[in-house]
């Protein structure tokens, strides 16, 4: 008679930990290769912990319009003698207005600095509180609280993130994000994302929905097939922009410098939904502790 294997609580817990590590490894590998979204959000906004720095330079060309340039920097310094609880943040802010002169982009970027207190950092929760200033004329002090929590269901990796913030210029606001990762193989990942941004003074939501198939071919090359829709609830739920494209990314020097090209099509309400080709280039350097 064949012996039956008795599944103990310890065996089930080891299996759960292996699955969690596997999902985090796939998602983390994709995040290592694809750490930004061209011009769509704060490309240097660092929400992880530990000392790190990121420097980026972009160019973007839309048919019928001049070439845009953007410089980005994000630095997270883990301060000594604080039990890994206090970080110093320095970063450039993403702006709707982009530069037509590459040499003016670093000079005209808006920069912010902040102190980040790490409230909790564990396998289940990461919670931080920031207090700082967005430098401009006049300066714009701000505070924000962020929390992030992963959930695992079968082979799906869910991540919920929430931010509450107050900027002196803009007032109270919040950002809520959901991300769903499904590993298709050891190097392929299906990712679905949604985000809702709310500003109390506007009293409506800005909505973003997107999806992508990411493939890390090897430790040098990776690509992603992406689609995204953006809209708001100002006059009911309306979508005002769609885009679809391909991101091709390559390590160009050791493990810290990347080059990327992204050809895409954009459909906007402003242009009567006429498809417009766009191509973007990126050079990026990343440094991690």
Foldseek 3Di string as FASTA:
>chain_A
DDDDDDDDPVNVVVVVVVLLVLLCLQVVVLCLFPVADPLPFQRQDDDDAAWKKKWKKKWKDWPPDAIFIAIKIWTWAQDPPPVSFKIKIKIWGRDPDTDNDHVCRVVPTWMKIWMKGFPDDDSFKTKIKIWIWTVDVHIKTKIKIKMKGWDDDDQKIKMWMKMWMQIPVQGTKMKIKIKIWGDPDSFKIKIWMKMWIGGPVLGKIKIKTKIKIKGDPDLFKIKMWMKMWIAMCSPHTDTFKIKTWMKIKGADDDSFKIKIKIWMWMAGVVVVRDIIIMMMIMIMGMDGD
